[in-house]
Amino acid sequence: MNRSRLLTLLSALGVAAVMLLVASLVTQLGSMALGSVDTWQHAFEATRPYLRVWRVLLYGALFALWWDLLRRYRHRPADRLRVQRIGTMGLVLVTFVELTRL
């Protein structure tokens, strides 16, 4: 069953909108709980090392899942090539995001 491109685009936009809404809600609730945005920023800076560890674990898990997909599709060249392309795009995206954070 093929999905239309419009439905896929609307679904992706919906997911992005929900993510932005959740991020703004977390920021609002955090600043309300701590009293001010400045206090929220200081608390966020204090947890920076833990967030680095979380990101490393997240990227490691994504890499392990990608590697498992490559292993599963080793006998189907077309699917393996598709998984390799997705992995390459993911690596470029992660590299871009991490370099823009410097």
C-alpha atoms as a PDB file:
ATOM      1  CA  MET A   1       0.000   0.000   0.000  1.00  0.00           C
ATOM      2  CA  ASN A   2       1.567   3.262  -1.140  1.00  0.00           C
ATOM      3  CA  ARG A   3       0.957   6.515   0.665  1.00  0.00           C
ATOM      4  CA  SER A   4       0.596   9.697  -1.286  1.00  0.00           C
ATOM      5  CA  ARG A   5       3.346  12.276  -1.049  1.00  0.00           C
ATOM      6  CA  LEU A   6       0.907  14.854   0.264  1.00  0.00           C
ATOM      7  CA  LEU A   7      -0.131  12.596   3.136  1.00  0.00           C
ATOM      8  CA  THR A   8       3.515  11.903   3.949  1.00  0.00           C
ATOM      9  CA  LEU A   9       4.327  15.635   3.900  1.00  0.00           C
ATOM     10  CA  LEU A  10       1.344  16.489   6.095  1.00  0.00           C
ATOM     11  CA  SER A  11       2.287  13.732   8.510  1.00  0.00           C
ATOM     12  CA  ALA A  12       5.865  15.014   8.757  1.00  0.00           C
ATOM     13  CA  LEU A  13       4.642  18.581   9.288  1.00  0.00           C
ATOM     14  CA  GLY A  14       2.274  17.357  11.982  1.00  0.00           C
ATOM     15  CA  VAL A  15       5.082  15.545  13.789  1.00  0.00           C
ATOM     16  CA  ALA A  16       7.296  18.661  13.581  1.00  0.00           C
ATOM     17  CA  ALA A  17       4.482  20.854  14.928  1.00  0.00           C
ATOM     18  CA  VAL A  18       3.883  18.492  17.852  1.00  0.00           C
ATOM     19  CA  MET A  19       7.601  18.425  18.635  1.00  0.00           C
ATOM     20  CA  LEU A  20       7.772  22.224  18.668  1.00  0.00           C
ATOM     21  CA  LEU A  21       4.673  22.404  20.830  1.00  0.00           C
ATOM     22  CA  VAL A  22       6.109  19.929  23.340  1.00  0.00           C
ATOM     23  CA  ALA A  23       9.453  21.791  23.417  1.00  0.00           C
ATOM     24  CA  SER A  24       7.756  25.113  24.096  1.00  0.00           C
ATOM     25  CA  LEU A  25       5.539  23.501  26.727  1.00  0.00           C
ATOM     26  CA  VAL A  26       8.543  21.998  28.512  1.00  0.00           C
ATOM     27  CA  THR A  27      10.326  25.350  28.447  1.00  0.00           C
ATOM     28  CA  GLN A  28       7.269  27.151  29.784  1.00  0.00           C
ATOM     29  CA  LEU A  29       6.675  24.628  32.550  1.00  0.00           C
ATOM     30  CA  GLY A  30      10.358  24.588  33.490  1.00  0.00           C
ATOM     31  CA  SER A  31      10.595  28.366  33.732  1.00  0.00           C
ATOM     32  CA  MET A  32       7.362  28.490  35.748  1.00  0.00           C
ATOM     33  CA  ALA A  33       8.610  25.799  38.133  1.00  0.00           C
ATOM     34  CA  LEU A  34      11.973  27.482  38.678  1.00  0.00           C
ATOM     35  CA  GLY A  35      10.684  31.047  38.805  1.00  0.00           C
ATOM     36  CA  SER A  36      12.325  32.642  35.783  1.00  0.00           C
ATOM     37  CA  VAL A  37      13.845  31.912  32.415  1.00  0.00           C
ATOM     38  CA  ASP A  38      17.287  32.858  33.770  1.00  0.00           C
ATOM     39  CA  THR A  39      17.053  30.232  36.513  1.00  0.00           C
ATOM     40  CA  TRP A  40      15.863  27.718  33.912  1.00  0.00           C
ATOM     41  CA  GLN A  41      18.915  28.544  31.783  1.00  0.00           C
ATOM     42  CA  HIS A  42      21.290  28.038  34.738  1.00  0.00           C
ATOM     43  CA  ALA A  43      19.669  24.694  35.596  1.00  0.00           C
ATOM     44  CA  PHE A  44      19.930  23.653  31.956  1.00  0.00           C
ATOM     45  CA  GLU A  45      23.630  24.573  31.870  1.00  0.00           C
ATOM     46  CA  ALA A  46      24.224  22.524  35.028  1.00  0.00           C
ATOM     47  CA  THR A  47      22.839  19.399  33.339  1.00  0.00           C
ATOM     48  CA  ARG A  48      24.892  19.837  30.144  1.00  0.00           C
ATOM     49  CA  PRO A  49      27.300  16.921  30.839  1.00  0.00           C
ATOM     50  CA  TYR A  50      24.383  14.553  31.398  1.00  0.00           C
ATOM     51  CA  LEU A  51      22.777  15.694  28.158  1.00  0.00           C
ATOM     52  CA  ARG A  52      26.036  14.970  26.306  1.00  0.00           C
ATOM     53  CA  VAL A  53      26.022  11.433  27.675  1.00  0.00           C
ATOM     54  CA  TRP A  54      22.372  11.074  26.647  1.00  0.00           C
ATOM     55  CA  ARG A  55      23.160  12.223  23.107  1.00  0.00           C
ATOM     56  CA  VAL A  56      26.075   9.793  22.830  1.00  0.00           C
ATOM     57  CA  LEU A  57      23.819   6.950  23.987  1.00  0.00           C
ATOM     58  CA  LEU A  58      21.094   8.025  21.551  1.00  0.00           C
ATOM     59  CA  TYR A  59      23.488   8.162  18.606  1.00  0.00           C
ATOM     60  CA  GLY A  60      24.964   4.813  19.622  1.00  0.00           C
ATOM     61  CA  ALA A  61      21.520   3.210  19.727  1.00  0.00           C
ATOM     62  CA  LEU A  62      20.624   4.671  16.324  1.00  0.00           C
ATOM     63  CA  PHE A  63      23.891   3.378  14.879  1.00  0.00           C
ATOM     64  CA  ALA A  64      23.256  -0.095  16.340  1.00  0.00           C
ATOM     65  CA  LEU A  65      19.757  -0.162  14.810  1.00  0.00           C
ATOM     66  CA  TRP A  66      21.126   0.965  11.440  1.00  0.00           C
ATOM     67  CA  TRP A  67      23.858  -1.697  11.575  1.00  0.00           C
ATOM     68  CA  ASP A  68      21.255  -4.350  12.392  1.00  0.00           C
ATOM     69  CA  LEU A  69      19.177  -3.264   9.391  1.00  0.00           C
ATOM     70  CA  LEU A  70      22.247  -3.524   7.157  1.00  0.00           C
ATOM     71  CA  ARG A  71      22.875  -7.028   8.451  1.00  0.00           C
ATOM     72  CA  ARG A  72      19.252  -8.077   7.902  1.00  0.00           C
ATOM     73  CA  TYR A  73      19.180  -6.815   4.324  1.00  0.00           C
ATOM     74  CA  ARG A  74      22.538  -8.214   3.222  1.00  0.00           C
ATOM     75  CA  HIS A  75      20.826 -10.638   0.812  1.00  0.00           C
ATOM     76  CA  ARG A  76      18.575  -7.985  -0.731  1.00  0.00           C
ATOM     77  CA  PRO A  77      20.825  -5.479  -2.549  1.00  0.00           C
ATOM     78  CA  ALA A  78      18.122  -2.912  -3.373  1.00  0.00           C
ATOM     79  CA  ASP A  79      16.942  -2.673   0.234  1.00  0.00           C
ATOM     80  CA  ARG A  80      20.518  -2.665   1.526  1.00  0.00           C
ATOM     81  CA  LEU A  81      21.347   0.256  -0.755  1.00  0.00           C
ATOM     82  CA  ARG A  82      18.289   2.124   0.527  1.00  0.00           C
ATOM     83  CA  VAL A  83      19.372   1.522   4.153  1.00  0.00           C
ATOM     84  CA  GLN A  84      22.882   2.722   3.306  1.00  0.00           C
ATOM     85  CA  ARG A  85      21.482   5.923   1.790  1.00  0.00           C
ATOM     86  CA  ILE A  86      19.312   6.533   4.848  1.00  0.00           C
ATOM     87  CA  GLY A  87      22.336   5.969   7.085  1.00  0.00           C
ATOM     88  CA  THR A  88      24.428   8.378   5.046  1.00  0.00           C
ATOM     89  CA  MET A  89      21.722  11.057   5.195  1.00  0.00           C
ATOM     90  CA  GLY A  90      21.370  10.480   8.932  1.00  0.00           C
ATOM     91  CA  LEU A  91      25.111  10.818   9.461  1.00  0.00           C
ATOM     92  CA  VAL A  92      25.198  14.054   7.464  1.00  0.00           C
ATOM     93  CA  LEU A  93      22.226  15.409   9.412  1.00  0.00           C
ATOM     94  CA  VAL A  94      23.714  14.506  12.809  1.00  0.00           C
ATOM     95  CA  THR A  95      27.075  15.985  11.809  1.00  0.00           C
ATOM     96  CA  PHE A  96      25.397  19.178  10.633  1.00  0.00           C
ATOM     97  CA  VAL A  97      23.360  19.501  13.830  1.00  0.00           C
ATOM     98  CA  GLU A  98      26.345  18.877  16.079  1.00  0.00           C
ATOM     99  CA  LEU A  99      28.605  21.274  14.156  1.00  0.00           C
ATOM    100  CA  THR A 100      26.036  24.054  14.301  1.00  0.00           C
ATOM    101  CA  ARG A 101      25.971  23.706  18.099  1.00  0.00           C
ATOM    102  CA  LEU A 102      29.649  24.713  18.454  1.00  0.00           C
END
